[in-house]
Protein backbone atom coordinates (compact mmCIF):
# COMPACT_ATOMS: atom_id res chain seq x y z
CA UNK A 1 0.01 -0.10 -0.19
CA UNK A 2 1.23 3.49 -0.94
CA UNK A 3 2.06 5.38 1.52
CA UNK A 4 3.04 9.66 2.41
CA UNK A 5 6.46 8.46 4.13
CA UNK A 6 7.69 6.11 1.26
CA UNK A 7 6.87 9.00 -1.14
CA UNK A 8 9.02 11.34 0.80
CA UNK A 9 11.90 8.28 1.24
CA UNK A 10 11.53 7.29 -2.38
CA UNK A 11 11.99 11.79 -3.83
CA UNK A 12 14.68 12.23 -0.77
CA UNK A 13 16.94 9.38 -3.63
CA UNK A 14 15.94 10.78 -6.16
CA UNK A 15 16.46 14.46 -5.26
CA UNK A 16 19.90 13.83 -3.47
CA UNK A 17 21.32 11.61 -7.32
CA UNK A 18 21.26 16.11 -8.52
CA UNK A 19 20.64 14.65 -11.58
CA UNK A 20 20.35 17.31 -14.03
CA UNK A 21 18.81 17.40 -17.41
CA UNK A 22 20.39 19.31 -20.90
CA UNK A 23 19.94 23.03 -22.12
CA UNK A 24 16.69 22.37 -23.43
CA UNK A 25 15.58 20.81 -20.03
CA UNK A 26 15.65 16.73 -21.59
CA UNK A 27 18.20 14.02 -21.30
CA UNK A 28 18.66 10.99 -20.36
CA UNK A 29 19.41 11.91 -16.80
CA UNK A 30 15.96 13.49 -16.42
CA UNK A 31 13.70 10.95 -19.26
CA UNK A 32 12.59 8.92 -16.26
CA UNK A 33 11.01 11.73 -15.12
CA UNK A 34 9.79 13.57 -17.70
CA UNK A 35 8.32 10.14 -19.47
CA UNK A 36 5.90 9.47 -16.96
CA UNK A 37 3.87 12.91 -19.14
CA UNK A 38 4.67 12.44 -22.78
CA UNK A 39 1.80 10.69 -23.53
CA UNK A 40 0.06 13.10 -21.16
CA UNK A 41 1.10 16.05 -22.24
CA UNK A 42 0.38 14.90 -26.00
CA UNK A 43 -3.34 14.63 -25.78
CA UNK A 44 -4.04 17.86 -24.07
CA UNK A 45 -2.02 19.64 -26.82
CA UNK A 46 -3.16 17.59 -29.76
CA UNK A 47 0.27 16.96 -31.02
CA UNK A 48 3.37 14.35 -31.16
CA UNK A 49 6.47 16.25 -30.30
CA UNK A 50 6.68 15.03 -27.11
CA UNK A 51 6.91 12.03 -27.94
CA UNK A 52 10.79 12.54 -28.81
CA UNK A 53 12.52 12.28 -25.84
CA UNK A 54 14.84 15.50 -27.06
CA UNK A 55 11.61 17.76 -25.93
CA UNK A 56 12.24 18.77 -22.83
CA UNK A 57 9.89 20.76 -20.43
CA UNK A 58 9.96 22.17 -17.34
CA UNK A 59 9.87 19.29 -15.07
CA UNK A 60 8.87 19.71 -11.15
CA UNK A 61 5.93 18.24 -11.36
CA UNK A 62 6.76 14.76 -13.53
CA UNK A 63 9.77 14.59 -10.71
CA UNK A 64 6.69 15.07 -8.06
CA UNK A 65 4.25 12.26 -10.62
CA UNK A 66 7.03 9.77 -11.01
CA UNK A 67 7.68 9.86 -6.87
CA UNK A 68 4.11 9.14 -6.22
CA UNK A 69 4.05 6.44 -9.00
CA UNK A 70 7.09 5.06 -7.68
CA UNK A 71 5.62 5.07 -3.67
CA UNK A 72 2.45 3.04 -5.15
CA UNK A 73 -0.18 5.68 -5.84
CA UNK A 74 -2.00 5.86 -9.23
CA UNK A 75 -3.54 8.73 -11.01
CA UNK A 76 -3.84 9.82 -14.47
CA UNK A 77 -1.63 12.31 -15.41
CA UNK A 78 -4.50 15.04 -15.93
CA UNK A 79 -6.92 13.65 -12.94
CA UNK A 80 -9.04 16.01 -13.91
CA UNK A 81 -10.25 16.21 -17.37
CA UNK A 82 -11.91 19.38 -17.63
CA UNK A 83 -8.67 21.16 -16.51
CA UNK A 84 -6.99 22.56 -18.97
CA UNK A 85 -3.67 21.42 -17.72
CA UNK A 86 -2.01 17.89 -17.13
CA UNK A 87 0.30 17.92 -13.75
CA UNK A 88 3.10 18.39 -15.31
CA UNK A 89 2.09 21.99 -14.28
CA UNK A 90 1.40 23.14 -10.68
CA UNK A 91 -1.97 24.56 -11.02
CA UNK A 92 -3.23 20.97 -12.04
CA UNK A 93 -1.75 20.25 -9.13
CA UNK A 94 -3.71 22.83 -7.21
CA UNK A 95 -6.81 22.24 -8.88
CA UNK A 96 -6.89 18.29 -8.74
CA UNK A 97 -6.13 18.51 -4.99
CA UNK A 98 -8.45 21.24 -3.93
CA UNK A 99 -11.48 19.64 -5.99
CA UNK A 100 -10.62 16.19 -3.95
CA UNK A 101 -10.47 17.82 -0.39
CA UNK A 102 -7.08 16.88 0.21
CA UNK A 103 -5.33 20.56 -1.05
CA UNK A 104 -4.79 22.58 2.77
CA UNK A 105 -3.65 26.20 2.67
CA UNK A 106 0.22 26.86 3.38
CA UNK A 107 -1.38 28.13 7.32
CA UNK A 108 -3.72 25.46 8.06
CA UNK A 109 -1.34 22.71 9.10
CA UNK A 110 1.72 21.33 9.94
CA UNK A 111 4.14 19.61 6.95
CA UNK A 112 4.63 16.22 7.33
CA UNK A 113 7.33 14.12 5.35
CA UNK A 114 5.31 13.10 1.56
CA UNK A 115 3.36 16.82 1.56
CA UNK A 116 3.22 17.45 -1.67
CA UNK A 117 4.62 21.67 -1.41
CA UNK A 118 3.36 24.43 -3.76
CA UNK A 119 5.69 27.33 -4.13
CA UNK A 120 4.25 30.64 -5.37
CA UNK A 121 7.54 32.61 -6.95
CA UNK A 122 10.16 30.30 -6.13
CA UNK A 123 11.42 29.75 -9.57
CA UNK A 124 9.89 32.74 -10.80
CA UNK A 125 7.50 35.75 -10.40
CA UNK A 126 4.78 34.09 -10.90
CA UNK A 127 2.48 32.39 -8.27
CA UNK A 128 1.96 28.29 -8.43
CA UNK A 129 5.43 28.28 -10.10
CA UNK A 130 7.25 25.30 -8.46
CA UNK A 131 6.84 22.03 -6.55
CA UNK A 132 7.97 19.85 -4.57
CA UNK A 133 7.52 16.88 -1.82
CA UNK A 134 8.55 17.47 2.33
CA UNK A 135 11.35 15.59 3.54
CA UNK A 136 10.58 17.31 7.00
CA UNK A 137 10.09 20.74 8.40
CA UNK A 138 13.24 22.43 9.49
CA UNK A 139 14.48 25.89 10.11
CA UNK A 140 11.04 27.44 10.39
CA UNK A 141 10.43 26.18 6.87
CA UNK A 142 10.11 22.64 5.16
CA UNK A 143 13.26 20.84 3.79
CA UNK A 144 11.88 19.49 0.31
CA UNK A 145 13.34 17.19 -2.45
CA UNK A 146 12.64 18.55 -5.63
CA UNK A 147 13.35 18.80 -9.32
CA UNK A 148 14.20 21.22 -12.45
CA UNK A 149 15.42 23.27 -9.78
CA UNK A 150 18.08 24.56 -11.55
CA UNK A 151 17.18 22.61 -14.45
CA UNK A 152 18.36 19.65 -11.32
CA UNK A 153 17.31 17.74 -8.74
CA UNK A 154 18.08 18.41 -5.30
CA UNK A 155 17.15 18.76 -1.85
CA UNK A 156 16.23 22.62 -0.56
CA UNK A 157 15.36 24.12 2.25
CA UNK A 158 12.19 26.64 1.52
CA UNK A 159 11.48 29.84 3.06
CA UNK A 160 7.37 29.03 4.24
CA UNK A 161 6.33 32.47 2.93
CA UNK A 162 6.69 30.76 -0.34
CA UNK A 163 4.31 27.86 -0.36
CA UNK A 164 1.07 28.46 -1.52
CA UNK A 165 0.01 25.17 0.25
CA UNK A 166 0.28 21.74 0.64
CA UNK A 167 -1.31 18.28 -1.38
CA UNK A 168 -2.18 16.01 1.56
CA UNK A 169 -2.52 12.67 -0.66
CA UNK A 170 -4.55 10.04 0.74
CA UNK A 171 -2.96 7.04 1.48
CA UNK A 172 -5.32 5.04 -1.03
CA UNK A 173 -3.70 2.68 -3.75
CA UNK A 174 -5.63 3.96 -6.03
CA UNK A 175 -7.87 7.74 -7.32
CA UNK A 176 -10.49 8.13 -9.45
CA UNK A 177 -9.22 8.96 -12.61
CA UNK A 178 -11.22 12.18 -12.48
CA UNK A 179 -13.69 13.94 -9.61
């Protein structure tokens, strides 16, 4: 049975490898993350360009989705077919978790290992621009396992002011494909 604790362990291991993408945010080191979303991105954009392993994209959501799958969680890379984006985009994680009742604003709970942190303006001047997996509360913030942090995996100490909220996945084996 999947668990958030296992999710945190897998994310920590993956992030600790310091895998890096190439200048196109693609490449063999990170393809295992990218491949989890390629078919959904193709279907969503009505294209086949994402089938090309040389085509990259912002991959923080792909890293988190890969870790969820490795931990045994099963849900679609586009869990809400009515929503514009796949889980390659951080707003899709928030939309899905809000609709499912497992999104929690940052000030509403104490983060636990395996929670998924959604960030505002962590990598750009945009809201909901980055995502990571909580390893532990630390120094007033969180220690987070992340992909596509400067185009590589890593473990990052995050200031709580950047955190929009948390996705706390229910400890269930499978989620419905849509809500």
